[in-house]
Structures are given as structure tokens and as C-alpha cells.
C-alpha atoms as a PDB file:
ATOM      1  CA  MET A   1       0.000   0.000   0.000  1.00  0.00           C
ATOM      2  CA  GLY A   2       1.392   3.329  -1.058  1.00  0.00           C
ATOM      3  CA  LEU A   3       1.536   6.630   0.753  1.00  0.00           C
ATOM      4  CA  GLY A   4      -1.563   7.988  -1.051  1.00  0.00           C
ATOM      5  CA  ALA A   5      -3.670   5.014  -0.009  1.00  0.00           C
ATOM      6  CA  LYS A   6      -2.514   5.345   3.597  1.00  0.00           C
ATOM      7  CA  LEU A   7      -3.354   9.057   3.608  1.00  0.00           C
ATOM      8  CA  ASN A   8      -6.781   8.381   2.092  1.00  0.00           C
ATOM      9  CA  PHE A   9      -7.459   5.671   4.714  1.00  0.00           C
ATOM     10  CA  ALA A  10      -6.356   8.002   7.537  1.00  0.00           C
ATOM     11  CA  PHE A  11      -8.471  10.841   6.134  1.00  0.00           C
ATOM     12  CA  LEU A  12     -11.578   8.658   5.869  1.00  0.00           C
ATOM     13  CA  THR A  13     -10.966   7.231   9.365  1.00  0.00           C
ATOM     14  CA  VAL A  14     -10.736  10.729  10.848  1.00  0.00           C
ATOM     15  CA  ILE A  15     -13.932  11.777   9.054  1.00  0.00           C
ATOM     16  CA  LEU A  16     -15.708   8.617  10.257  1.00  0.00           C
ATOM     17  CA  VAL A  17     -14.611   9.235  13.866  1.00  0.00           C
ATOM     18  CA  MET A  18     -15.747  12.868  13.645  1.00  0.00           C
ATOM     19  CA  VAL A  19     -19.157  11.921  12.213  1.00  0.00           C
ATOM     20  CA  VAL A  20     -19.724   9.238  14.879  1.00  0.00           C
ATOM     21  CA  ALA A  21     -18.583  11.606  17.657  1.00  0.00           C
ATOM     22  CA  HIS A  22     -20.833  14.373  16.328  1.00  0.00           C
ATOM     23  CA  ALA A  23     -23.833  12.009  16.126  1.00  0.00           C
ATOM     24  CA  GLY A  24     -23.174  10.778  19.668  1.00  0.00           C
ATOM     25  CA  ALA A  25     -22.837  14.324  20.996  1.00  0.00           C
ATOM     26  CA  GLN A  26     -26.014  15.357  19.163  1.00  0.00           C
ATOM     27  CA  TYR A  27     -27.924  12.374  20.592  1.00  0.00           C
ATOM     28  CA  ILE A  28     -26.723  13.076  24.135  1.00  0.00           C
ATOM     29  CA  GLY A  29     -27.498  16.778  23.794  1.00  0.00           C
ATOM     30  CA  GLU A  30     -31.028  16.168  22.504  1.00  0.00           C
ATOM     31  CA  ARG A  31     -31.627  13.564  25.220  1.00  0.00           C
ATOM     32  CA  ASN A  32     -30.499  15.966  27.947  1.00  0.00           C
ATOM     33  CA  ALA A  33     -32.637  18.753  26.473  1.00  0.00           C
ATOM     34  CA  ALA A  34     -35.666  16.458  26.392  1.00  0.00           C
ATOM     35  CA  LEU A  35     -35.033  15.399  29.998  1.00  0.00           C
ATOM     36  CA  ALA A  36     -34.716  19.028  31.071  1.00  0.00           C
ATOM     37  CA  ALA A  37     -37.985  19.902  29.297  1.00  0.00           C
ATOM     38  CA  ALA A  38     -39.705  16.922  30.911  1.00  0.00           C
ATOM     39  CA  HIS A  39     -38.421  17.937  34.344  1.00  0.00           C
ATOM     40  CA  LYS A  40     -39.862  21.426  33.854  1.00  0.00           C
ATOM     41  CA  ILE A  41     -43.280  19.861  33.283  1.00  0.00           C
ATOM     42  CA  VAL A  42     -43.158  16.939  35.717  1.00  0.00           C
ATOM     43  CA  ASP A  43     -41.392  18.470  38.735  1.00  0.00           C
ATOM     44  CA  PRO A  44     -44.140  21.002  39.566  1.00  0.00           C
ATOM     45  CA  ALA A  45     -46.774  18.263  39.249  1.00  0.00           C
ATOM     46  CA  ILE A  46     -44.797  15.956  41.540  1.00  0.00           C
ATOM     47  CA  LYS A  47     -44.347  18.790  44.036  1.00  0.00           C
ATOM     48  CA  GLN A  48     -48.084  19.531  43.977  1.00  0.00           C
ATOM     49  CA  LEU A  49     -48.979  15.844  44.381  1.00  0.00           C
ATOM     50  CA  THR A  50     -46.545  15.534  47.276  1.00  0.00           C
ATOM     51  CA  GLN A  51     -48.068  18.562  49.000  1.00  0.00           C
ATOM     52  CA  GLU A  52     -51.606  17.278  48.446  1.00  0.00           C
ATOM     53  CA  THR A  53     -50.687  13.806  49.689  1.00  0.00           C
ATOM     54  CA  GLU A  54     -49.084  15.261  52.819  1.00  0.00           C
ATOM     55  CA  ALA A  55     -52.160  17.421  53.418  1.00  0.00           C
ATOM     56  CA  ILE A  56     -54.425  14.371  53.065  1.00  0.00           C
ATOM     57  CA  GLN A  57     -52.213  12.362  55.408  1.00  0.00           C
ATOM     58  CA  ASN A  58     -52.226  15.170  57.990  1.00  0.00           C
ATOM     59  CA  ARG A  59     -56.024  15.458  57.704  1.00  0.00           C
ATOM     60  CA  ASN A  60     -56.410  11.686  58.137  1.00  0.00           C
ATOM     61  CA  GLU A  61     -54.153  11.698  61.190  1.00  0.00           C
ATOM     62  CA  SER A  62     -56.109  14.602  62.658  1.00  0.00           C
ATOM     63  CA  LEU A  63     -59.415  12.800  62.081  1.00  0.00           C
ATOM     64  CA  ALA A  64     -58.027   9.571  63.566  1.00  0.00           C
ATOM     65  CA  THR A  65     -56.878  11.468  66.646  1.00  0.00           C
ATOM     66  CA  LYS A  66     -60.284  13.116  67.007  1.00  0.00           C
ATOM     67  CA  LEU A  67     -62.048   9.763  66.615  1.00  0.00           C
ATOM     68  CA  ALA A  68     -59.735   8.165  69.173  1.00  0.00           C
ATOM     69  CA  THR A  69     -60.636  10.877  71.682  1.00  0.00           C
ATOM     70  CA  ASP A  70     -64.383  10.712  70.953  1.00  0.00           C
ATOM     71  CA  SER A  71     -66.120   9.566  74.138  1.00  0.00           C
ATOM     72  CA  ALA A  72     -68.929   7.663  72.378  1.00  0.00           C
ATOM     73  CA  PHE A  73     -66.402   5.742  70.315  1.00  0.00           C
ATOM     74  CA  ASN A  74     -64.179   4.977  73.310  1.00  0.00           C
ATOM     75  CA  GLN A  75     -67.080   3.737  75.408  1.00  0.00           C
ATOM     76  CA  ALA A  76     -68.352   1.505  72.597  1.00  0.00           C
ATOM     77  CA  TYR A  77     -64.884   0.129  71.854  1.00  0.00           C
ATOM     78  CA  GLN A  78     -64.131  -0.560  75.518  1.00  0.00           C
ATOM     79  CA  ALA A  79     -67.455  -2.384  75.817  1.00  0.00           C
ATOM     80  CA  LYS A  80     -66.531  -4.428  72.679  1.00  0.00           C
ATOM     81  CA  ASP A  81     -69.927  -3.613  71.203  1.00  0.00           C
ATOM     82  CA  ARG A  82     -69.535  -3.640  67.398  1.00  0.00           C
ATOM     83  CA  ALA A  83     -72.984  -2.134  66.778  1.00  0.00           C
ATOM     84  CA  ALA A  84     -72.209   0.762  69.129  1.00  0.00           C
ATOM     85  CA  VAL A  85     -68.782   1.215  67.505  1.00  0.00           C
ATOM     86  CA  ALA A  86     -70.470   1.352  64.092  1.00  0.00           C
ATOM     87  CA  ALA A  87     -72.975   3.925  65.370  1.00  0.00           C
ATOM     88  CA  ALA A  88     -70.200   5.990  66.994  1.00  0.00           C
ATOM     89  CA  VAL A  89     -68.110   5.914  63.822  1.00  0.00           C
ATOM     90  CA  LYS A  90     -71.094   6.839  61.652  1.00  0.00           C
ATOM     91  CA  GLY A  91     -71.945   9.690  64.005  1.00  0.00           C
ATOM     92  CA  PHE A  92     -68.354  10.918  63.929  1.00  0.00           C
ATOM     93  CA  VAL A  93     -68.262  10.724  60.124  1.00  0.00           C
ATOM     94  CA  GLU A  94     -71.461  12.756  59.876  1.00  0.00           C
ATOM     95  CA  ARG A  95     -70.209  15.376  62.361  1.00  0.00           C
ATOM     96  CA  SER A  96     -66.789  15.717  60.745  1.00  0.00           C
ATOM     97  CA  GLY A  97     -68.019  15.773  57.146  1.00  0.00           C
ATOM     98  CA  MET A  98     -65.424  13.164  56.284  1.00  0.00           C
ATOM     99  CA  THR A  99     -65.674  11.163  53.075  1.00  0.00           C
ATOM    100  CA  GLY A 100     -64.288   7.681  52.792  1.00  0.00           C
ATOM    101  CA  TYR A 101     -64.161   4.625  55.003  1.00  0.00           C
ATOM    102  CA  VAL A 102     -63.037   4.100  58.570  1.00  0.00           C
ATOM    103  CA  ALA A 103     -61.350   0.893  59.673  1.00  0.00           C
ATOM    104  CA  VAL A 104     -60.931   0.217  63.385  1.00  0.00           C
ATOM    105  CA  ILE A 105     -58.037  -2.128  64.150  1.00  0.00           C
ATOM    106  CA  ASP A 106     -57.921  -3.935  67.495  1.00  0.00           C
ATOM    107  CA  ASP A 107     -54.870  -4.633  69.657  1.00  0.00           C
ATOM    108  CA  LYS A 108     -54.248  -7.935  67.806  1.00  0.00           C
ATOM    109  CA  ALA A 109     -53.909  -6.111  64.452  1.00  0.00           C
ATOM    110  CA  ARG A 110     -57.240  -7.461  63.246  1.00  0.00           C
ATOM    111  CA  ILE A 111     -60.010  -5.419  61.694  1.00  0.00           C
ATOM    112  CA  TYR A 112     -62.602  -4.850  64.399  1.00  0.00           C
ATOM    113  CA  TYR A 113     -64.878  -2.641  62.294  1.00  0.00           C
ATOM    114  CA  SER A 114     -64.640  -1.441  58.719  1.00  0.00           C
ATOM    115  CA  GLY A 115     -66.980   1.038  57.082  1.00  0.00           C
ATOM    116  CA  ASP A 116     -66.506  -0.411  53.592  1.00  0.00           C
ATOM    117  CA  ALA A 117     -67.675  -3.920  54.585  1.00  0.00           C
ATOM    118  CA  PRO A 118     -69.207  -3.820  58.071  1.00  0.00           C
ATOM    119  CA  ALA A 119     -70.281  -7.476  57.963  1.00  0.00           C
ATOM    120  CA  LYS A 120     -66.718  -8.628  57.335  1.00  0.00           C
ATOM    121  CA  PHE A 121     -64.372  -8.341  60.311  1.00  0.00           C
ATOM    122  CA  GLY A 122     -61.768 -10.277  62.229  1.00  0.00           C
ATOM    123  CA  TYR A 123     -59.297 -10.548  59.366  1.00  0.00           C
ATOM    124  CA  PRO A 124     -55.696  -9.329  59.783  1.00  0.00           C
ATOM    125  CA  ALA A 125     -55.056  -5.706  58.880  1.00  0.00           C
ATOM    126  CA  ARG A 126     -52.226  -6.778  56.587  1.00  0.00           C
ATOM    127  CA  ASP A 127     -54.868  -8.514  54.412  1.00  0.00           C
ATOM    128  CA  ILE A 128     -56.671  -5.264  53.609  1.00  0.00           C
ATOM    129  CA  PRO A 129     -55.006  -4.942  50.167  1.00  0.00           C
ATOM    130  CA  ASP A 130     -56.050  -8.529  49.328  1.00  0.00           C
ATOM    131  CA  TYR A 131     -59.608  -7.780  50.407  1.00  0.00           C
ATOM    132  CA  ILE A 132     -59.683  -4.615  48.290  1.00  0.00           C
ATOM    133  CA  ARG A 133     -58.316  -6.602  45.336  1.00  0.00           C
ATOM    134  CA  GLN A 134     -61.220  -9.058  45.757  1.00  0.00           C
ATOM    135  CA  LEU A 135     -63.726  -6.205  45.591  1.00  0.00           C
ATOM    136  CA  LEU A 136     -62.343  -5.056  42.252  1.00  0.00           C
END
């Protein structure tokens, strides 16, 4: 192979390396730009969802604390009267304007009363997701 052929091969190799490097840099640049644009859209939504979720959690904890200090509920629970617990919970829900279901868990981590299925009780609290899955 002569000097001209070696120079042509080197020239083409350099051009090939430059084209591949440019394509790689372009791909990485466009990917980073797309990620930055997506973050501008998604980050505020995630922040808002986080704030709303924290507000819901705080509201639920506040309602649970109020229910736990409700005298009618405490008397019914201490007496182990499920009908009175149901009435106390329903009364609390009406007074508080709460939407959703209340589940009362006993000291053995079993559902003592649940507003979504009052006739079903005594199952472990860890089985709640399985029970919900069965409803769907």
C-alpha cells in the first residue's frame, strides 16, 4: 500500500470518527434537552402531588386522633360492642363531614370494624389490600 492510499485511509478514518462523535454528541445533547424539558413539566406536578398527599395524610391523622378521643367511640370500643362502635363511627363521620371509610383495628392487628364492609371483620389488617383486590 502506497503513501496515497494510507493518507486516504487516515483521512476517511478521521472523518468517520468525527461523524460518529458528532452524532453521539447530538444524541446526548437532545436527550439531555428532552429530559430538562420533561423535568420542567413533571417536577411542579410531583411537588403539587406531594403537597396534596401530605395534606391528606395530615387530615387523616387529625381525624383519627379526634375519633380516638371521641367519648362515644371509646365507650363503645371498651365495651366491645360492634354495633355501638359502628354507630359511633357513623356519628363521627357525619359530624366531621369526612368522606371515605373508617377501619378500626384492634390490639391484635385485626379489623374490628370497617366502614366499607361492616359485615366482614376479624381478618388481619395486613390482608386489607387482598380484600380490596377481591372487591375489584
